[in-house]
Amino acid sequence: MSDLAFGGTDCALPVTHAIEQGLEVDTFVVYTDNETWAGSSHPHQALRTYRERSGIPAKMIVVGMTATGCSIADPSDPGMLDVAGFDSAVPQLISDFSRGL
């Protein structure tokens, strides 16, 4: 792993790709090493644009794989979730959040 070239992560990229391709997505899930914003637009702005253009109330979950501070979610948006660290409970958390539980 130490030989892999890691760089900044554009967490908005899945959303902008869906906009460009006209994809119908209900939940975007991004896994990152905690590099959380290296693109031209902030992920919460991209998600807002996606919702407006598609009419889909899409959600976004960003999982920082290490338990260090990171924040992507707009705190006023109940359709966004930040997760710091990854353990066996995270897949169920992602599923539950995506289904609105």
PDB file of N, CA and C in Angstrom:
ATOM      1  N   MET A   1       0.813  -1.196   0.000  1.00  0.00           N
ATOM      2  CA  MET A   1       0.000   0.000   0.000  1.00  0.00           C
ATOM      3  C   MET A   1       0.856   1.260   0.000  1.00  0.00           C
ATOM      4  N   SER A   2       1.976   1.216   0.687  1.00  0.00           N
ATOM      5  CA  SER A   2       2.788   2.431   0.783  1.00  0.00           C
ATOM      6  C   SER A   2       3.366   2.851  -0.561  1.00  0.00           C
ATOM      7  N   ASP A   3       3.422   1.946  -1.531  1.00  0.00           N
ATOM      8  CA  ASP A   3       3.940   2.285  -2.850  1.00  0.00           C
ATOM      9  C   ASP A   3       2.890   2.870  -3.792  1.00  0.00           C
ATOM     10  N   LEU A   4       1.639   2.868  -3.382  1.00  0.00           N
ATOM     11  CA  LEU A   4       0.576   3.408  -4.229  1.00  0.00           C
ATOM     12  C   LEU A   4       0.611   4.933  -4.203  1.00  0.00           C
ATOM     13  N   ALA A   5       0.363   5.521  -5.331  1.00  0.00           N
ATOM     14  CA  ALA A   5       0.359   6.988  -5.439  1.00  0.00           C
ATOM     15  C   ALA A   5      -1.028   7.507  -5.116  1.00  0.00           C
ATOM     16  N   PHE A   6      -1.164   8.072  -3.941  1.00  0.00           N
ATOM     17  CA  PHE A   6      -2.441   8.658  -3.544  1.00  0.00           C
ATOM     18  C   PHE A   6      -2.366  10.165  -3.713  1.00  0.00           C
ATOM     19  N   GLY A   7      -3.462  10.751  -4.112  1.00  0.00           N
ATOM     20  CA  GLY A   7      -3.517  12.197  -4.276  1.00  0.00           C
ATOM     21  C   GLY A   7      -4.838  12.698  -3.742  1.00  0.00           C
ATOM     22  N   GLY A   8      -5.183  13.889  -4.111  1.00  0.00           N
ATOM     23  CA  GLY A   8      -6.445  14.461  -3.680  1.00  0.00           C
ATOM     24  C   GLY A   8      -7.623  13.702  -4.266  1.00  0.00           C
ATOM     25  N   THR A   9      -8.708  13.677  -3.543  1.00  0.00           N
ATOM     26  CA  THR A   9      -9.912  12.984  -3.980  1.00  0.00           C
ATOM     27  C   THR A   9     -10.994  14.002  -4.301  1.00  0.00           C
ATOM     28  N   ASP A  10     -11.529  13.924  -5.502  1.00  0.00           N
ATOM     29  CA  ASP A  10     -12.631  14.796  -5.896  1.00  0.00           C
ATOM     30  C   ASP A  10     -13.930  14.070  -5.538  1.00  0.00           C
ATOM     31  N   CYS A  11     -14.437  14.316  -4.343  1.00  0.00           N
ATOM     32  CA  CYS A  11     -15.642  13.622  -3.868  1.00  0.00           C
ATOM     33  C   CYS A  11     -16.894  14.041  -4.632  1.00  0.00           C
ATOM     34  N   ALA A  12     -16.824  15.103  -5.406  1.00  0.00           N
ATOM     35  CA  ALA A  12     -17.961  15.520  -6.230  1.00  0.00           C
ATOM     36  C   ALA A  12     -17.999  14.789  -7.562  1.00  0.00           C
ATOM     37  N   LEU A  13     -16.919  14.107  -7.926  1.00  0.00           N
ATOM     38  CA  LEU A  13     -16.812  13.498  -9.242  1.00  0.00           C
ATOM     39  C   LEU A  13     -17.937  12.508  -9.566  1.00  0.00           C
ATOM     40  N   PRO A  14     -18.340  11.618  -8.660  1.00  0.00           N
ATOM     41  CA  PRO A  14     -19.457  10.724  -9.015  1.00  0.00           C
ATOM     42  C   PRO A  14     -20.744  11.487  -9.333  1.00  0.00           C
ATOM     43  N   VAL A  15     -20.959  12.587  -8.633  1.00  0.00           N
ATOM     44  CA  VAL A  15     -22.166  13.378  -8.842  1.00  0.00           C
ATOM     45  C   VAL A  15     -22.090  14.121 -10.176  1.00  0.00           C
ATOM     46  N   THR A  16     -20.943  14.748 -10.438  1.00  0.00           N
ATOM     47  CA  THR A  16     -20.819  15.471 -11.704  1.00  0.00           C
ATOM     48  C   THR A  16     -20.874  14.508 -12.886  1.00  0.00           C
ATOM     49  N   HIS A  17     -20.338  13.313 -12.726  1.00  0.00           N
ATOM     50  CA  HIS A  17     -20.428  12.304 -13.786  1.00  0.00           C
ATOM     51  C   HIS A  17     -21.888  11.929 -14.041  1.00  0.00           C
ATOM     52  N   ALA A  18     -22.649  11.738 -12.976  1.00  0.00           N
ATOM     53  CA  ALA A  18     -24.074  11.401 -13.120  1.00  0.00           C
ATOM     54  C   ALA A  18     -24.832  12.526 -13.816  1.00  0.00           C
ATOM     55  N   ILE A  19     -24.488  13.774 -13.508  1.00  0.00           N
ATOM     56  CA  ILE A  19     -25.126  14.918 -14.172  1.00  0.00           C
ATOM     57  C   ILE A  19     -24.801  14.892 -15.663  1.00  0.00           C
ATOM     58  N   GLU A  20     -23.525  14.742 -15.978  1.00  0.00           N
ATOM     59  CA  GLU A  20     -23.086  14.772 -17.379  1.00  0.00           C
ATOM     60  C   GLU A  20     -23.676  13.626 -18.202  1.00  0.00           C
ATOM     61  N   GLN A  21     -23.849  12.463 -17.580  1.00  0.00           N
ATOM     62  CA  GLN A  21     -24.331  11.283 -18.293  1.00  0.00           C
ATOM     63  C   GLN A  21     -25.845  11.076 -18.182  1.00  0.00           C
ATOM     64  N   GLY A  22     -26.510  11.916 -17.412  1.00  0.00           N
ATOM     65  CA  GLY A  22     -27.954  11.775 -17.235  1.00  0.00           C
ATOM     66  C   GLY A  22     -28.336  10.516 -16.478  1.00  0.00           C
ATOM     67  N   LEU A  23     -27.501  10.106 -15.530  1.00  0.00           N
ATOM     68  CA  LEU A  23     -27.750   8.886 -14.764  1.00  0.00           C
ATOM     69  C   LEU A  23     -28.749   9.140 -13.644  1.00  0.00           C
ATOM     70  N   GLU A  24     -29.560   8.141 -13.355  1.00  0.00           N
ATOM     71  CA  GLU A  24     -30.512   8.221 -12.247  1.00  0.00           C
ATOM     72  C   GLU A  24     -29.912   7.493 -11.051  1.00  0.00           C
ATOM     73  N   VAL A  25     -29.570   8.264 -10.022  1.00  0.00           N
ATOM     74  CA  VAL A  25     -28.901   7.725  -8.844  1.00  0.00           C
ATOM     75  C   VAL A  25     -29.679   8.160  -7.616  1.00  0.00           C
ATOM     76  N   ASP A  26     -29.924   7.214  -6.707  1.00  0.00           N
ATOM     77  CA  ASP A  26     -30.625   7.612  -5.479  1.00  0.00           C
ATOM     78  C   ASP A  26     -29.672   7.854  -4.319  1.00  0.00           C
ATOM     79  N   THR A  27     -28.504   7.202  -4.312  1.00  0.00           N
ATOM     80  CA  THR A  27     -27.520   7.429  -3.254  1.00  0.00           C
ATOM     81  C   THR A  27     -26.114   7.342  -3.840  1.00  0.00           C
ATOM     82  N   PHE A  28     -25.325   8.369  -3.587  1.00  0.00           N
ATOM     83  CA  PHE A  28     -23.912   8.372  -3.958  1.00  0.00           C
ATOM     84  C   PHE A  28     -23.116   7.994  -2.714  1.00  0.00           C
ATOM     85  N   VAL A  29     -22.209   7.042  -2.838  1.00  0.00           N
ATOM     86  CA  VAL A  29     -21.338   6.659  -1.731  1.00  0.00           C
ATOM     87  C   VAL A  29     -19.897   6.814  -2.205  1.00  0.00           C
ATOM     88  N   VAL A  30     -19.133   7.607  -1.468  1.00  0.00           N
ATOM     89  CA  VAL A  30     -17.741   7.862  -1.803  1.00  0.00           C
ATOM     90  C   VAL A  30     -16.873   7.358  -0.659  1.00  0.00           C
ATOM     91  N   TYR A  31     -15.874   6.557  -0.999  1.00  0.00           N
ATOM     92  CA  TYR A  31     -14.891   6.086  -0.028  1.00  0.00           C
ATOM     93  C   TYR A  31     -13.590   6.830  -0.295  1.00  0.00           C
ATOM     94  N   THR A  32     -13.002   7.380   0.754  1.00  0.00           N
ATOM     95  CA  THR A  32     -11.799   8.175   0.575  1.00  0.00           C
ATOM     96  C   THR A  32     -10.841   7.943   1.737  1.00  0.00           C
ATOM     97  N   ASP A  33      -9.580   8.259   1.499  1.00  0.00           N
ATOM     98  CA  ASP A  33      -8.574   8.177   2.553  1.00  0.00           C
ATOM     99  C   ASP A  33      -8.550   9.467   3.380  1.00  0.00           C
ATOM    100  N   ASN A  34      -9.599  10.216   3.303  1.00  0.00           N
ATOM    101  CA  ASN A  34      -9.832  11.479   4.012  1.00  0.00           C
ATOM    102  C   ASN A  34      -9.378  12.705   3.248  1.00  0.00           C
ATOM    103  N   GLU A  35      -8.876  12.539   2.043  1.00  0.00           N
ATOM    104  CA  GLU A  35      -8.738  13.688   1.150  1.00  0.00           C
ATOM    105  C   GLU A  35     -10.138  13.890   0.598  1.00  0.00           C
ATOM    106  N   THR A  36     -10.767  14.990   0.930  1.00  0.00           N
ATOM    107  CA  THR A  36     -12.198  15.077   0.681  1.00  0.00           C
ATOM    108  C   THR A  36     -12.649  16.123  -0.330  1.00  0.00           C
ATOM    109  N   TRP A  37     -11.775  17.007  -0.745  1.00  0.00           N
ATOM    110  CA  TRP A  37     -12.236  18.003  -1.706  1.00  0.00           C
ATOM    111  C   TRP A  37     -11.059  18.500  -2.525  1.00  0.00           C
ATOM    112  N   ALA A  38     -10.944  17.981  -3.713  1.00  0.00           N
ATOM    113  CA  ALA A  38      -9.847  18.394  -4.585  1.00  0.00           C
ATOM    114  C   ALA A  38     -10.371  18.727  -5.978  1.00  0.00           C
ATOM    115  N   GLY A  39     -11.617  19.077  -6.070  1.00  0.00           N
ATOM    116  CA  GLY A  39     -12.218  19.335  -7.378  1.00  0.00           C
ATOM    117  C   GLY A  39     -12.594  20.788  -7.559  1.00  0.00           C
ATOM    118  N   SER A  40     -13.351  21.031  -8.608  1.00  0.00           N
ATOM    119  CA  SER A  40     -13.735  22.411  -8.919  1.00  0.00           C
ATOM    120  C   SER A  40     -15.007  22.846  -8.204  1.00  0.00           C
ATOM    121  N   SER A  41     -15.795  21.895  -7.695  1.00  0.00           N
ATOM    122  CA  SER A  41     -16.986  22.266  -6.930  1.00  0.00           C
ATOM    123  C   SER A  41     -17.056  21.412  -5.669  1.00  0.00           C
ATOM    124  N   HIS A  42     -17.652  21.973  -4.643  1.00  0.00           N
ATOM    125  CA  HIS A  42     -17.793  21.235  -3.391  1.00  0.00           C
ATOM    126  C   HIS A  42     -18.854  20.152  -3.586  1.00  0.00           C
ATOM    127  N   PRO A  43     -18.672  18.972  -2.986  1.00  0.00           N
ATOM    128  CA  PRO A  43     -19.635  17.888  -3.165  1.00  0.00           C
ATOM    129  C   PRO A  43     -21.077  18.257  -2.830  1.00  0.00           C
ATOM    130  N   HIS A  44     -21.286  19.054  -1.786  1.00  0.00           N
ATOM    131  CA  HIS A  44     -22.677  19.393  -1.457  1.00  0.00           C
ATOM    132  C   HIS A  44     -23.286  20.309  -2.512  1.00  0.00           C
ATOM    133  N   GLN A  45     -22.466  21.126  -3.164  1.00  0.00           N
ATOM    134  CA  GLN A  45     -22.974  21.954  -4.269  1.00  0.00           C
ATOM    135  C   GLN A  45     -23.306  21.089  -5.481  1.00  0.00           C
ATOM    136  N   ALA A  46     -22.452  20.116  -5.767  1.00  0.00           N
ATOM    137  CA  ALA A  46     -22.711  19.210  -6.889  1.00  0.00           C
ATOM    138  C   ALA A  46     -23.982  18.406  -6.645  1.00  0.00           C
ATOM    139  N   LEU A  47     -24.174  17.950  -5.412  1.00  0.00           N
ATOM    140  CA  LEU A  47     -25.383  17.190  -5.077  1.00  0.00           C
ATOM    141  C   LEU A  47     -26.631  18.054  -5.236  1.00  0.00           C
ATOM    142  N   ARG A  48     -26.563  19.291  -4.807  1.00  0.00           N
ATOM    143  CA  ARG A  48     -27.690  20.211  -4.965  1.00  0.00           C
ATOM    144  C   ARG A  48     -28.027  20.388  -6.447  1.00  0.00           C
ATOM    145  N   THR A  49     -26.994  20.571  -7.276  1.00  0.00           N
ATOM    146  CA  THR A  49     -27.200  20.709  -8.722  1.00  0.00           C
ATOM    147  C   THR A  49     -27.822  19.449  -9.299  1.00  0.00           C
ATOM    148  N   TYR A  50     -27.322  18.284  -8.884  1.00  0.00           N
ATOM    149  CA  TYR A  50     -27.875  17.018  -9.371  1.00  0.00           C
ATOM    150  C   TYR A  50     -29.361  16.909  -9.033  1.00  0.00           C
ATOM    151  N   ARG A  51     -29.705  17.229  -7.791  1.00  0.00           N
ATOM    152  CA  ARG A  51     -31.111  17.157  -7.368  1.00  0.00           C
ATOM    153  C   ARG A  51     -31.986  18.083  -8.208  1.00  0.00           C
ATOM    154  N   GLU A  52     -31.508  19.309  -8.424  1.00  0.00           N
ATOM    155  CA  GLU A  52     -32.287  20.279  -9.204  1.00  0.00           C
ATOM    156  C   GLU A  52     -32.491  19.821 -10.643  1.00  0.00           C
ATOM    157  N   ARG A  53     -31.449  19.306 -11.259  1.00  0.00           N
ATOM    158  CA  ARG A  53     -31.528  18.915 -12.672  1.00  0.00           C
ATOM    159  C   ARG A  53     -32.255  17.601 -12.890  1.00  0.00           C
ATOM    160  N   SER A  54     -32.104  16.667 -11.961  1.00  0.00           N
ATOM    161  CA  SER A  54     -32.698  15.336 -12.163  1.00  0.00           C
ATOM    162  C   SER A  54     -34.086  15.200 -11.552  1.00  0.00           C
ATOM    163  N   GLY A  55     -34.370  16.009 -10.533  1.00  0.00           N
ATOM    164  CA  GLY A  55     -35.624  15.847  -9.803  1.00  0.00           C
ATOM    165  C   GLY A  55     -35.590  14.691  -8.823  1.00  0.00           C
ATOM    166  N   ILE A  56     -34.444  14.080  -8.645  1.00  0.00           N
ATOM    167  CA  ILE A  56     -34.285  12.944  -7.726  1.00  0.00           C
ATOM    168  C   ILE A  56     -33.747  13.469  -6.398  1.00  0.00           C
ATOM    169  N   PRO A  57     -34.386  13.139  -5.283  1.00  0.00           N
ATOM    170  CA  PRO A  57     -33.889  13.591  -3.973  1.00  0.00           C
ATOM    171  C   PRO A  57     -32.712  12.729  -3.502  1.00  0.00           C
ATOM    172  N   ALA A  58     -31.653  12.711  -4.285  1.00  0.00           N
ATOM    173  CA  ALA A  58     -30.502  11.848  -4.025  1.00  0.00           C
ATOM    174  C   ALA A  58     -29.835  12.174  -2.695  1.00  0.00           C
ATOM    175  N   LYS A  59     -29.214  11.143  -2.131  1.00  0.00           N
ATOM    176  CA  LYS A  59     -28.451  11.281  -0.895  1.00  0.00           C
ATOM    177  C   LYS A  59     -26.978  11.082  -1.213  1.00  0.00           C
ATOM    178  N   MET A  60     -26.131  11.520  -0.272  1.00  0.00           N
ATOM    179  CA  MET A  60     -24.693  11.330  -0.432  1.00  0.00           C
ATOM    180  C   MET A  60     -24.083  10.925   0.890  1.00  0.00           C
ATOM    181  N   ILE A  61     -23.257   9.887   0.834  1.00  0.00           N
ATOM    182  CA  ILE A  61     -22.532   9.404   2.005  1.00  0.00           C
ATOM    183  C   ILE A  61     -21.050   9.424   1.644  1.00  0.00           C
ATOM    184  N   VAL A  62     -20.246  10.075   2.480  1.00  0.00           N
ATOM    185  CA  VAL A  62     -18.805  10.090   2.273  1.00  0.00           C
ATOM    186  C   VAL A  62     -18.170   9.357   3.447  1.00  0.00           C
ATOM    187  N   VAL A  63     -17.429   8.293   3.129  1.00  0.00           N
ATOM    188  CA  VAL A  63     -16.783   7.475   4.149  1.00  0.00           C
ATOM    189  C   VAL A  63     -15.287   7.758   4.119  1.00  0.00           C
ATOM    190  N   GLY A  64     -14.801   8.426   5.157  1.00  0.00           N
ATOM    191  CA  GLY A  64     -13.363   8.613   5.341  1.00  0.00           C
ATOM    192  C   GLY A  64     -12.838   7.359   6.017  1.00  0.00           C
ATOM    193  N   MET A  65     -11.947   6.649   5.364  1.00  0.00           N
ATOM    194  CA  MET A  65     -11.542   5.324   5.832  1.00  0.00           C
ATOM    195  C   MET A  65     -10.731   5.328   7.121  1.00  0.00           C
ATOM    196  N   THR A  66     -10.258   6.473   7.546  1.00  0.00           N
ATOM    197  CA  THR A  66      -9.585   6.552   8.833  1.00  0.00           C
ATOM    198  C   THR A  66     -10.411   7.448   9.739  1.00  0.00           C
ATOM    199  N   ALA A  67     -10.327   7.196  11.020  1.00  0.00           N
ATOM    200  CA  ALA A  67     -11.149   7.938  11.982  1.00  0.00           C
ATOM    201  C   ALA A  67     -10.480   9.263  12.351  1.00  0.00           C
ATOM    202  N   THR A  68     -10.330  10.107  11.358  1.00  0.00           N
ATOM    203  CA  THR A  68      -9.821  11.453  11.580  1.00  0.00           C
ATOM    204  C   THR A  68     -10.887  12.432  11.104  1.00  0.00           C
ATOM    205  N   GLY A  69     -10.754  13.654  11.514  1.00  0.00           N
ATOM    206  CA  GLY A  69     -11.778  14.640  11.186  1.00  0.00           C
ATOM    207  C   GLY A  69     -11.899  14.903   9.698  1.00  0.00           C
ATOM    208  N   CYS A  70     -13.112  14.874   9.207  1.00  0.00           N
ATOM    209  CA  CYS A  70     -13.395  15.271   7.834  1.00  0.00           C
ATOM    210  C   CYS A  70     -14.846  15.693   7.790  1.00  0.00           C
ATOM    211  N   SER A  71     -15.151  16.588   6.892  1.00  0.00           N
ATOM    212  CA  SER A  71     -16.536  17.005   6.757  1.00  0.00           C
ATOM    213  C   SER A  71     -16.815  17.405   5.325  1.00  0.00           C
ATOM    214  N   ILE A  72     -17.772  16.725   4.728  1.00  0.00           N
ATOM    215  CA  ILE A  72     -18.239  17.031   3.385  1.00  0.00           C
ATOM    216  C   ILE A  72     -19.689  17.499   3.453  1.00  0.00           C
ATOM    217  N   ALA A  73     -20.449  16.840   4.298  1.00  0.00           N
ATOM    218  CA  ALA A  73     -21.887  17.069   4.363  1.00  0.00           C
ATOM    219  C   ALA A  73     -22.227  18.493   4.778  1.00  0.00           C
ATOM    220  N   ASP A  74     -23.265  19.011   4.160  1.00  0.00           N
ATOM    221  CA  ASP A  74     -23.850  20.269   4.582  1.00  0.00           C
ATOM    222  C   ASP A  74     -24.675  19.937   5.825  1.00  0.00           C
ATOM    223  N   PRO A  75     -24.344  20.514   6.981  1.00  0.00           N
ATOM    224  CA  PRO A  75     -25.050  20.149   8.218  1.00  0.00           C
ATOM    225  C   PRO A  75     -26.556  20.432   8.188  1.00  0.00           C
ATOM    226  N   SER A  76     -27.001  21.279   7.269  1.00  0.00           N
ATOM    227  CA  SER A  76     -28.432  21.564   7.183  1.00  0.00           C
ATOM    228  C   SER A  76     -29.145  20.636   6.195  1.00  0.00           C
ATOM    229  N   ASP A  77     -28.414  19.692   5.599  1.00  0.00           N
ATOM    230  CA  ASP A  77     -28.985  18.787   4.590  1.00  0.00           C
ATOM    231  C   ASP A  77     -29.136  17.387   5.181  1.00  0.00           C
ATOM    232  N   PRO A  78     -30.361  16.959   5.470  1.00  0.00           N
ATOM    233  CA  PRO A  78     -30.556  15.627   6.049  1.00  0.00           C
ATOM    234  C   PRO A  78     -30.276  14.490   5.067  1.00  0.00           C
ATOM    235  N   GLY A  79     -29.989  14.801   3.821  1.00  0.00           N
ATOM    236  CA  GLY A  79     -29.688  13.780   2.827  1.00  0.00           C
ATOM    237  C   GLY A  79     -28.196  13.564   2.618  1.00  0.00           C
ATOM    238  N   MET A  80     -27.391  14.099   3.537  1.00  0.00           N
ATOM    239  CA  MET A  80     -25.936  13.919   3.441  1.00  0.00           C
ATOM    240  C   MET A  80     -25.414  13.366   4.758  1.00  0.00           C
ATOM    241  N   LEU A  81     -24.413  12.490   4.644  1.00  0.00           N
ATOM    242  CA  LEU A  81     -23.846  11.858   5.834  1.00  0.00           C
ATOM    243  C   LEU A  81     -22.342  11.734   5.679  1.00  0.00           C
ATOM    244  N   ASP A  82     -21.602  12.138   6.713  1.00  0.00           N
ATOM    245  CA  ASP A  82     -20.167  11.906   6.793  1.00  0.00           C
ATOM    246  C   ASP A  82     -19.930  10.742   7.739  1.00  0.00           C
ATOM    247  N   VAL A  83     -19.034   9.848   7.370  1.00  0.00           N
ATOM    248  CA  VAL A  83     -18.640   8.734   8.229  1.00  0.00           C
ATOM    249  C   VAL A  83     -17.127   8.806   8.378  1.00  0.00           C
ATOM    250  N   ALA A  84     -16.639   8.812   9.623  1.00  0.00           N
ATOM    251  CA  ALA A  84     -15.199   8.845   9.875  1.00  0.00           C
ATOM    252  C   ALA A  84     -14.782   7.503  10.448  1.00  0.00           C
ATOM    253  N   GLY A  85     -13.988   6.765   9.687  1.00  0.00           N
ATOM    254  CA  GLY A  85     -13.562   5.425  10.097  1.00  0.00           C
ATOM    255  C   GLY A  85     -14.466   4.380   9.475  1.00  0.00           C
ATOM    256  N   PHE A  86     -13.990   3.156   9.481  1.00  0.00           N
ATOM    257  CA  PHE A  86     -14.749   2.080   8.857  1.00  0.00           C
ATOM    258  C   PHE A  86     -14.629   0.835   9.707  1.00  0.00           C
ATOM    259  N   ASP A  87     -15.776   0.318  10.134  1.00  0.00           N
ATOM    260  CA  ASP A  87     -15.795  -0.958  10.847  1.00  0.00           C
ATOM    261  C   ASP A  87     -16.971  -1.772  10.342  1.00  0.00           C
ATOM    262  N   SER A  88     -17.265  -2.875  10.980  1.00  0.00           N
ATOM    263  CA  SER A  88     -18.285  -3.789  10.481  1.00  0.00           C
ATOM    264  C   SER A  88     -19.701  -3.210  10.521  1.00  0.00           C
ATOM    265  N   ALA A  89     -19.920  -2.123  11.238  1.00  0.00           N
ATOM    266  CA  ALA A  89     -21.250  -1.520  11.321  1.00  0.00           C
ATOM    267  C   ALA A  89     -21.536  -0.574  10.148  1.00  0.00           C
ATOM    268  N   VAL A  90     -20.518  -0.134   9.444  1.00  0.00           N
ATOM    269  CA  VAL A  90     -20.691   0.880   8.401  1.00  0.00           C
ATOM    270  C   VAL A  90     -21.565   0.418   7.237  1.00  0.00           C
ATOM    271  N   PRO A  91     -21.410  -0.803   6.704  1.00  0.00           N
ATOM    272  CA  PRO A  91     -22.292  -1.192   5.593  1.00  0.00           C
ATOM    273  C   PRO A  91     -23.780  -1.120   5.953  1.00  0.00           C
ATOM    274  N   GLN A  92     -24.139  -1.538   7.154  1.00  0.00           N
ATOM    275  CA  GLN A  92     -25.543  -1.453   7.569  1.00  0.00           C
ATOM    276  C   GLN A  92     -25.969  -0.003   7.741  1.00  0.00           C
ATOM    277  N   LEU A  93     -25.080   0.828   8.269  1.00  0.00           N
ATOM    278  CA  LEU A  93     -25.372   2.256   8.410  1.00  0.00           C
ATOM    279  C   LEU A  93     -25.636   2.888   7.049  1.00  0.00           C
ATOM    280  N   ILE A  94     -24.822   2.548   6.054  1.00  0.00           N
ATOM    281  CA  ILE A  94     -25.002   3.062   4.699  1.00  0.00           C
ATOM    282  C   ILE A  94     -26.349   2.610   4.135  1.00  0.00           C
ATOM    283  N   SER A  95     -26.663   1.346   4.313  1.00  0.00           N
ATOM    284  CA  SER A  95     -27.931   0.805   3.813  1.00  0.00           C
ATOM    285  C   SER A  95     -29.129   1.489   4.479  1.00  0.00           C
ATOM    286  N   ASP A  96     -29.051   1.616   5.799  1.00  0.00           N
ATOM    287  CA  ASP A  96     -30.160   2.237   6.529  1.00  0.00           C
ATOM    288  C   ASP A  96     -30.349   3.700   6.136  1.00  0.00           C
ATOM    289  N   PHE A  97     -29.259   4.445   6.043  1.00  0.00           N
ATOM    290  CA  PHE A  97     -29.349   5.855   5.673  1.00  0.00           C
ATOM    291  C   PHE A  97     -29.914   6.008   4.261  1.00  0.00           C
ATOM    292  N   SER A  98     -29.438   5.170   3.356  1.00  0.00           N
ATOM    293  CA  SER A  98     -29.905   5.228   1.977  1.00  0.00           C
ATOM    294  C   SER A  98     -31.407   4.963   1.877  1.00  0.00           C
ATOM    295  N   ARG A  99     -31.909   4.067   2.717  1.00  0.00           N
ATOM    296  CA  ARG A  99     -33.341   3.749   2.714  1.00  0.00           C
ATOM    297  C   ARG A  99     -34.178   4.699   3.558  1.00  0.00           C
ATOM    298  N   GLY A 100     -33.530   5.662   4.200  1.00  0.00           N
ATOM    299  CA  GLY A 100     -34.261   6.657   4.983  1.00  0.00           C
ATOM    300  C   GLY A 100     -34.634   6.190   6.374  1.00  0.00           C
ATOM    301  N   LEU A 101     -33.931   5.197   6.890  1.00  0.00           N
ATOM    302  CA  LEU A 101     -34.226   4.687   8.241  1.00  0.00           C
ATOM    303  C   LEU A 101     -33.428   5.430   9.301  1.00  0.00           C
TER     304      LEU A 101
END
